[in-house]
Amino acid sequence: MVLLIGNYPPDQQQSMDRFAAMMLDGLQAAGVPAAVVRPTPLFGRFAPANTAVGKWLGYIDKFVLFPFALRRHVRRKPAVVHVCDHSNAMYSRQIDSAPVVVTCHDLLAVRGALGEQTDCPASPTGKILQRWILSGLRRAAAVGCSSRATLADAERLIGRSAGAPILKLVELGLAFPYRPLPQEVARARVAELMPRLNNAPYVLHVGSNLRRKNREGALRIFAKTEAQWNGNIVFAGDPLSTELRSLAEDLGISARAVDVPRPSNEQLEALYNCATALLYPSRFEGFGWPIAEAQACGCPVICSNAPPMSDVAGDAGLLRNADDEEGFAADLLRLRDSRERELWSRRSLENAKRFSAARMVDNYRELYRSVSAAC
């Protein structure tokens, strides 16, 4: 039996929750018994998780109470314990009776705590937490890295010396079977979601307001095109922050910047299908799921040329330096041509075949076998 450790629900880390669900579904579909455990919100119920009080109450649930529950689960003797998010790697210190595999989605916060520039600065307590995470990663039997860039960081920060964990590249699969839709189906979904657009063209950004996502750059890029294009820019995920909304107003594009808060998979699929392109000028990523999702829908991708975004997009992406806003704008205008968009759409669909959830789960099963044989 594989025991999967998921994330604390009040933290609302949607991508990590999706990954844990992918692993559970994939293992069970392959006939492997598996279960997910996660910290229960007890103290964290008394204050919102995004407040200082809520954060510290959540720490009690996660780091004081959950280890007791985890030890009870481990006493049932799972064959492997899989920590689905490296941010919970410290739990490996609680487990001695089963090999621990950790999925490392990125080491950006760890690197930021060490003083490296990753757009992830750490507070004094944050530095302590990231050291704790890094220590937990070093105690694991194996670490599966979601991209070559993350694997390179792991080799540098965790190491491959004797006694160090096995480090292996395990690229992510898609958490939902995104695919091209008939245009009438996709447009009907989008019209229901965003009636104000009324079939108007748009460029799409999917993600959060984290600094490294570079949404301010996306707004400036779009502003450079608005005089030559009657499109809109749609932000799916977190609504634009007050500061970003203010920037949109300063750029004169506020009326054309549309929020779609936390769309469902089906809604996001339709958004990808109808978008002129995905605009993804992130500075730092662990993988870049929206790139693969968009390509699986045949949506052209304009993204940063830094790893891992360049690795995920492959030769099907229009790549630019994150600071080349003029270049991003030129690529977006280029895709107004239907023949040009069709060319990049075909390339995208071909590249997206790489991102198989079943293949990802098979790779983890092989990793499980490796660490079990070594025990």
Protein backbone atom coordinates (compact mmCIF):
# COMPACT_ATOMS: atom_id res chain seq x y z
CA MET A 1 0.00 0.00 0.00
CA VAL A 2 1.19 3.50 -0.85
CA LEU A 3 0.47 6.22 1.68
CA LEU A 4 0.25 9.63 -0.01
CA ILE A 5 0.69 12.77 2.10
CA GLY A 6 -1.38 15.67 0.78
CA ASN A 7 -1.57 19.34 1.66
CA TYR A 8 -3.34 21.20 4.46
CA PRO A 9 -6.80 22.13 3.03
CA PRO A 10 -6.96 25.77 4.27
CA ASP A 11 -3.77 26.59 2.33
CA GLN A 12 -5.79 26.08 -0.90
CA GLN A 13 -2.77 25.01 -2.91
CA GLN A 14 -4.82 23.91 -5.87
CA SER A 15 -2.01 22.57 -8.05
CA MET A 16 -0.67 20.44 -5.20
CA ASP A 17 -4.15 19.13 -4.43
CA ARG A 18 -4.53 18.19 -8.10
CA PHE A 19 -1.22 16.36 -8.07
CA ALA A 20 -2.17 14.29 -5.01
CA ALA A 21 -5.50 13.42 -6.67
CA MET A 22 -3.67 12.42 -9.87
CA MET A 23 -1.38 10.09 -7.95
CA LEU A 24 -4.27 8.52 -6.02
CA ASP A 25 -6.39 7.97 -9.13
CA GLY A 26 -3.46 6.72 -11.19
CA LEU A 27 -2.24 4.25 -8.59
CA GLN A 28 -5.72 2.87 -7.97
CA ALA A 29 -6.33 2.56 -11.72
CA ALA A 30 -3.10 0.52 -11.93
CA GLY A 31 -4.34 -1.77 -9.16
CA VAL A 32 -2.04 -0.35 -6.47
CA PRO A 33 -3.74 0.18 -3.08
CA ALA A 34 -3.26 3.80 -2.05
CA ALA A 35 -4.69 6.39 0.33
CA VAL A 36 -4.19 10.10 0.95
CA VAL A 37 -3.75 11.60 4.40
CA ARG A 38 -3.40 15.28 5.15
CA PRO A 39 -3.38 17.55 8.21
CA THR A 40 -6.86 18.17 9.64
CA PRO A 41 -7.82 21.83 10.23
CA LEU A 42 -8.47 22.14 13.96
CA PHE A 43 -6.85 25.31 15.27
CA GLY A 44 -6.79 26.64 11.72
CA ARG A 45 -10.60 26.87 11.69
CA PHE A 46 -10.49 29.92 13.95
CA ALA A 47 -8.80 32.37 11.56
CA PRO A 48 -8.38 32.66 7.77
CA ALA A 49 -5.23 30.95 6.50
CA ASN A 50 -4.09 34.10 4.68
CA THR A 51 -3.76 36.08 7.94
CA ALA A 52 -0.80 36.06 10.32
CA VAL A 53 -2.88 34.47 13.08
CA GLY A 54 -4.29 31.88 10.70
CA LYS A 55 -0.82 30.98 9.44
CA TRP A 56 0.48 30.30 12.95
CA LEU A 57 -2.65 28.36 13.94
CA GLY A 58 -2.15 26.32 10.79
CA TYR A 59 1.41 25.57 11.87
CA ILE A 60 0.01 23.94 15.02
CA ASP A 61 -2.23 21.72 12.92
CA LYS A 62 0.52 20.86 10.44
CA PHE A 63 3.64 20.57 12.54
CA VAL A 64 2.45 19.75 16.08
CA LEU A 65 -0.73 17.69 15.69
CA PHE A 66 -0.38 16.01 12.29
CA PRO A 67 2.86 14.12 13.11
CA PHE A 68 0.92 12.15 15.77
CA ALA A 69 -1.74 11.19 13.20
CA LEU A 70 0.95 10.39 10.64
CA ARG A 71 2.68 7.96 13.00
CA ARG A 72 -0.63 6.11 13.46
CA HIS A 73 -0.95 5.71 9.69
CA VAL A 74 2.66 4.57 9.35
CA ARG A 75 2.11 1.87 11.99
CA ARG A 76 -0.15 0.18 9.42
CA LYS A 77 3.08 -0.54 7.52
CA PRO A 78 2.64 1.03 4.07
CA ALA A 79 5.17 -0.18 1.50
CA VAL A 80 6.05 3.42 0.60
CA VAL A 81 5.17 6.86 1.94
CA HIS A 82 4.96 9.47 -0.83
CA VAL A 83 5.05 13.13 0.18
CA CYS A 84 3.25 14.78 -2.74
CA ASP A 85 4.60 18.29 -2.15
CA HIS A 86 8.22 19.03 -1.23
CA SER A 87 6.94 21.81 1.08
CA ASN A 88 5.95 18.96 3.41
CA ALA A 89 9.30 17.17 3.17
CA MET A 90 9.88 17.69 6.89
CA TYR A 91 7.43 14.83 7.53
CA SER A 92 10.11 12.42 6.32
CA ARG A 93 11.75 12.96 9.72
CA GLN A 94 8.73 11.27 11.35
CA ILE A 95 8.98 8.07 9.30
CA ASP A 96 11.52 5.32 9.93
CA SER A 97 9.60 2.16 9.09
CA ALA A 98 8.95 2.78 5.38
CA PRO A 99 10.91 4.37 2.53
CA VAL A 100 9.89 7.96 1.79
CA VAL A 101 9.57 9.37 -1.72
CA VAL A 102 9.11 13.14 -2.10
CA THR A 103 7.92 14.95 -5.21
CA CYS A 104 9.94 18.13 -5.61
CA HIS A 105 7.99 20.55 -7.78
CA ASP A 106 10.58 23.31 -7.39
CA LEU A 107 13.28 24.57 -5.02
CA LEU A 108 12.57 28.27 -5.61
CA ALA A 109 11.62 29.06 -1.99
CA VAL A 110 14.59 27.08 -0.67
CA ARG A 111 16.90 28.96 -3.02
CA GLY A 112 15.32 32.28 -2.02
CA ALA A 113 15.95 31.48 1.65
CA LEU A 114 19.59 30.85 0.76
CA GLY A 115 19.83 34.32 -0.75
CA GLU A 116 19.46 33.39 -4.42
CA GLN A 117 17.30 35.50 -6.73
CA THR A 118 14.11 33.57 -7.43
CA ASP A 119 11.42 36.19 -6.69
CA CYS A 120 10.80 34.20 -3.48
CA PRO A 121 12.29 36.24 -0.61
CA ALA A 122 12.08 34.65 2.83
CA SER A 123 11.37 36.17 6.25
CA PRO A 124 13.54 35.08 9.20
CA THR A 125 11.00 32.40 10.15
CA GLY A 126 10.62 31.50 6.49
CA LYS A 127 14.35 30.80 6.29
CA ILE A 128 14.01 28.38 9.20
CA LEU A 129 11.10 26.63 7.48
CA GLN A 130 13.01 26.28 4.20
CA ARG A 131 16.04 24.84 5.99
CA TRP A 132 13.68 22.34 7.62
CA ILE A 133 12.26 21.43 4.21
CA LEU A 134 15.74 20.97 2.72
CA SER A 135 16.73 18.76 5.66
CA GLY A 136 13.60 16.66 5.08
CA LEU A 137 14.45 16.26 1.40
CA ARG A 138 17.93 15.02 2.31
CA ARG A 139 16.41 12.37 4.61
CA ALA A 140 14.12 10.94 1.91
CA ALA A 141 14.91 7.69 0.13
CA ALA A 142 14.15 9.29 -3.24
CA VAL A 143 13.16 12.65 -4.70
CA GLY A 144 11.19 12.83 -7.93
CA CYS A 145 11.82 16.17 -9.68
CA SER A 146 9.13 17.59 -11.95
CA SER A 147 11.50 19.22 -14.44
CA ARG A 148 15.12 19.18 -15.56
CA ALA A 149 15.59 22.62 -13.99
CA THR A 150 14.36 21.34 -10.62
CA LEU A 151 16.53 18.24 -10.96
CA ALA A 152 19.59 20.46 -11.52
CA ASP A 153 18.73 22.48 -8.41
CA ALA A 154 18.27 19.25 -6.42
CA GLU A 155 21.62 17.89 -7.55
CA ARG A 156 23.28 21.09 -6.38
CA LEU A 157 21.41 21.54 -3.07
CA ILE A 158 20.71 17.94 -2.03
CA GLY A 159 23.63 16.21 -3.73
CA ARG A 160 24.28 12.73 -5.08
CA SER A 161 26.84 11.60 -2.50
CA ALA A 162 26.70 8.22 -0.75
CA GLY A 163 23.65 8.14 1.52
CA ALA A 164 21.89 10.92 -0.39
CA PRO A 165 18.42 10.22 -1.81
CA ILE A 166 17.93 8.91 -5.31
CA LEU A 167 17.22 11.90 -7.56
CA LYS A 168 15.11 11.24 -10.63
CA LEU A 169 13.39 13.31 -13.28
CA VAL A 170 9.65 12.53 -13.31
CA GLU A 171 7.89 15.04 -15.56
CA LEU A 172 4.32 15.89 -14.66
CA GLY A 173 1.38 14.64 -16.63
CA LEU A 174 -1.84 16.56 -17.18
CA ALA A 175 -4.23 16.61 -14.23
CA PHE A 176 -7.25 16.74 -16.57
CA PRO A 177 -7.70 15.36 -20.12
CA TYR A 178 -7.51 18.75 -21.81
CA ARG A 179 -8.26 18.47 -25.53
CA PRO A 180 -9.44 20.45 -28.55
CA LEU A 181 -13.19 21.04 -28.44
CA PRO A 182 -15.65 21.78 -31.21
CA GLN A 183 -15.66 25.55 -31.48
CA GLU A 184 -19.39 25.84 -30.82
CA VAL A 185 -18.97 23.87 -27.57
CA ALA A 186 -15.97 25.88 -26.41
CA ARG A 187 -17.54 29.23 -27.29
CA ALA A 188 -20.77 28.34 -25.51
CA ARG A 189 -18.85 27.56 -22.32
CA VAL A 190 -16.87 30.79 -22.56
CA ALA A 191 -20.01 32.84 -23.30
CA GLU A 192 -21.64 31.43 -20.17
CA LEU A 193 -18.53 32.18 -18.13
CA MET A 194 -17.78 35.63 -19.59
CA PRO A 195 -20.84 37.04 -21.38
CA ARG A 196 -19.25 40.50 -21.56
CA LEU A 197 -16.71 39.28 -24.12
CA ASN A 198 -19.39 38.23 -26.64
CA ASN A 199 -16.94 36.19 -28.79
CA ALA A 200 -14.32 38.96 -28.74
CA PRO A 201 -10.71 37.73 -29.14
CA TYR A 202 -8.49 37.48 -26.07
CA VAL A 203 -5.09 36.40 -24.84
CA LEU A 204 -5.06 34.24 -21.73
CA HIS A 205 -2.91 34.15 -18.60
CA VAL A 206 -3.39 31.30 -16.09
CA GLY A 207 -1.94 31.49 -12.60
CA SER A 208 -1.63 33.61 -9.49
CA ASN A 209 -0.43 37.05 -8.46
CA LEU A 210 2.92 35.76 -7.17
CA ARG A 211 5.71 38.08 -8.23
CA ARG A 212 7.51 35.37 -10.20
CA LYS A 213 4.42 34.89 -12.40
CA ASN A 214 5.12 38.37 -13.85
CA ARG A 215 1.51 39.42 -14.33
CA GLU A 216 2.63 43.05 -14.41
CA GLY A 217 4.71 42.13 -17.46
CA ALA A 218 1.68 40.46 -19.05
CA LEU A 219 -0.31 43.68 -18.61
CA ARG A 220 2.44 45.81 -20.15
CA ILE A 221 2.82 43.38 -23.06
CA PHE A 222 -0.91 43.48 -23.77
CA ALA A 223 -0.92 47.28 -23.53
CA LYS A 224 1.66 47.40 -26.33
CA THR A 225 -0.80 45.59 -28.64
CA GLU A 226 -4.10 47.24 -27.78
CA ALA A 227 -3.85 49.97 -30.43
CA GLN A 228 -3.42 47.33 -33.15
CA TRP A 229 -5.80 44.69 -31.84
CA ASN A 230 -9.33 44.77 -30.47
CA GLY A 231 -8.68 41.90 -28.06
CA ASN A 232 -8.84 41.50 -24.30
CA ILE A 233 -6.57 39.92 -21.73
CA VAL A 234 -8.15 37.27 -19.47
CA PHE A 235 -6.60 36.31 -16.13
CA ALA A 236 -7.73 32.87 -14.96
CA GLY A 237 -6.87 31.83 -11.41
CA ASP A 238 -6.41 34.52 -8.81
CA PRO A 239 -8.25 37.80 -9.52
CA LEU A 240 -5.88 40.67 -10.21
CA SER A 241 -4.59 42.24 -7.01
CA THR A 242 -5.32 45.88 -6.16
CA GLU A 243 -1.83 46.83 -7.32
CA LEU A 244 -2.18 45.01 -10.64
CA ARG A 245 -5.63 46.46 -11.24
CA SER A 246 -4.15 49.92 -10.60
CA LEU A 247 -1.41 49.20 -13.15
CA ALA A 248 -4.05 48.19 -15.69
CA GLU A 249 -5.80 51.51 -15.12
CA ASP A 250 -2.52 53.43 -15.52
CA LEU A 251 -1.92 51.60 -18.82
CA GLY A 252 -5.43 52.44 -20.02
CA ILE A 253 -6.48 48.81 -20.40
CA SER A 254 -8.51 48.18 -17.24
CA ALA A 255 -11.76 47.75 -19.18
CA ARG A 256 -10.12 45.07 -21.31
CA ALA A 257 -8.54 43.11 -18.44
CA VAL A 258 -10.98 40.38 -17.36
CA ASP A 259 -10.76 38.20 -14.25
CA VAL A 260 -12.02 34.59 -14.23
CA PRO A 261 -11.50 33.49 -10.61
CA ARG A 262 -10.61 29.82 -10.15
CA PRO A 263 -12.34 28.29 -13.18
CA SER A 264 -13.24 24.61 -13.22
CA ASN A 265 -11.26 22.25 -15.45
CA GLU A 266 -14.04 22.29 -18.03
CA GLN A 267 -14.17 26.09 -18.02
CA LEU A 268 -10.39 26.35 -18.29
CA GLU A 269 -10.42 23.88 -21.17
CA ALA A 270 -12.85 26.14 -23.03
CA LEU A 271 -10.76 29.23 -22.25
CA TYR A 272 -7.67 27.57 -23.75
CA ASN A 273 -9.63 26.47 -26.82
CA CYS A 274 -10.92 29.95 -27.62
CA ALA A 275 -7.83 32.01 -26.71
CA THR A 276 -5.62 33.52 -29.39
CA ALA A 277 -2.69 32.41 -27.24
CA LEU A 278 -1.52 31.68 -23.72
CA LEU A 279 0.74 34.51 -22.56
CA TYR A 280 3.11 33.18 -19.90
CA PRO A 281 6.05 35.52 -19.21
CA SER A 282 6.98 33.95 -15.84
CA ARG A 283 10.45 34.56 -14.49
CA PHE A 284 10.67 31.37 -12.44
CA GLU A 285 8.66 28.12 -12.41
CA GLY A 286 8.98 24.58 -11.17
CA PHE A 287 7.26 23.18 -14.27
CA GLY A 288 4.63 25.42 -15.85
CA TRP A 289 1.48 23.30 -16.01
CA PRO A 290 -0.55 25.91 -17.99
CA ILE A 291 1.91 25.61 -20.89
CA ALA A 292 1.22 21.89 -21.29
CA GLU A 293 -2.52 22.34 -20.67
CA ALA A 294 -2.82 25.05 -23.32
CA GLN A 295 -0.88 23.03 -25.88
CA ALA A 296 -3.09 19.99 -25.25
CA CYS A 297 -6.03 22.18 -26.34
CA GLY A 298 -4.20 23.40 -29.44
CA CYS A 299 -3.68 26.86 -27.95
CA PRO A 300 -0.40 28.50 -29.05
CA VAL A 301 1.94 29.41 -26.19
CA ILE A 302 4.05 32.55 -25.86
CA CYS A 303 6.33 32.08 -22.86
CA SER A 304 9.68 32.79 -21.26
CA ASN A 305 12.73 31.11 -22.75
CA ALA A 306 14.15 30.11 -19.35
CA PRO A 307 13.99 26.51 -18.11
CA PRO A 308 11.70 24.80 -17.29
CA MET A 309 9.23 26.83 -19.38
CA SER A 310 11.36 26.35 -22.50
CA ASP A 311 11.62 22.59 -21.81
CA VAL A 312 7.86 22.18 -21.39
CA ALA A 313 6.98 24.31 -24.43
CA GLY A 314 9.64 22.66 -26.58
CA ASP A 315 9.84 23.76 -30.21
CA ALA A 316 6.08 24.36 -30.14
CA GLY A 317 6.40 27.55 -28.07
CA LEU A 318 7.17 31.12 -29.08
CA LEU A 319 9.94 31.89 -26.60
CA ARG A 320 11.28 35.23 -25.37
CA ASN A 321 13.42 36.55 -22.58
CA ALA A 322 11.09 37.49 -19.72
CA ASP A 323 12.09 41.16 -20.09
CA ASP A 324 11.57 41.29 -23.87
CA GLU A 325 8.10 42.80 -23.69
CA GLU A 326 8.31 44.23 -27.20
CA GLY A 327 9.10 40.76 -28.51
CA PHE A 328 6.20 39.17 -26.62
CA ALA A 329 3.86 41.82 -28.04
CA ALA A 330 5.13 41.17 -31.58
CA ASP A 331 4.49 37.44 -31.19
CA LEU A 332 0.97 38.07 -29.93
CA LEU A 333 0.18 40.31 -32.90
CA ARG A 334 1.69 37.71 -35.20
CA LEU A 335 -0.87 35.15 -34.02
CA ARG A 336 -3.75 37.30 -35.23
CA ASP A 337 -3.12 35.67 -38.61
CA SER A 338 -5.25 32.51 -38.70
CA ARG A 339 -2.67 30.56 -40.73
CA GLU A 340 0.10 31.46 -38.32
CA ARG A 341 -2.03 30.47 -35.35
CA GLU A 342 -2.94 27.16 -37.03
CA LEU A 343 0.75 26.36 -37.54
CA TRP A 344 1.58 26.85 -33.84
CA SER A 345 -1.60 25.07 -32.81
CA ARG A 346 -0.54 21.92 -34.69
CA ARG A 347 2.91 22.04 -33.14
CA SER A 348 1.37 22.49 -29.71
CA LEU A 349 -0.87 19.44 -30.04
CA GLU A 350 2.09 17.30 -31.04
CA ASN A 351 4.27 18.49 -28.16
CA ALA A 352 1.49 17.97 -25.61
CA LYS A 353 1.53 14.21 -26.23
CA ARG A 354 4.59 14.10 -23.93
CA PHE A 355 2.58 14.91 -20.82
CA SER A 356 0.90 11.65 -19.85
CA ALA A 357 -0.48 11.17 -16.34
CA ALA A 358 -0.29 7.38 -16.76
CA ARG A 359 3.40 7.60 -17.73
CA MET A 360 4.09 9.83 -14.72
CA VAL A 361 2.45 7.32 -12.35
CA ASP A 362 4.37 4.44 -13.97
CA ASN A 363 7.62 6.34 -13.40
CA TYR A 364 6.75 6.79 -9.73
CA ARG A 365 5.89 3.10 -9.41
CA GLU A 366 9.35 2.30 -10.76
CA LEU A 367 10.83 4.69 -8.19
CA TYR A 368 8.84 2.96 -5.45
CA ARG A 369 10.29 -0.38 -6.54
CA SER A 370 13.81 1.06 -6.47
CA VAL A 371 13.57 2.38 -2.92
CA SER A 372 11.79 -0.74 -1.67
CA ALA A 373 14.53 -2.95 -3.11
CA ALA A 374 17.19 -0.79 -1.43
CA CYS A 375 15.62 -1.18 2.05
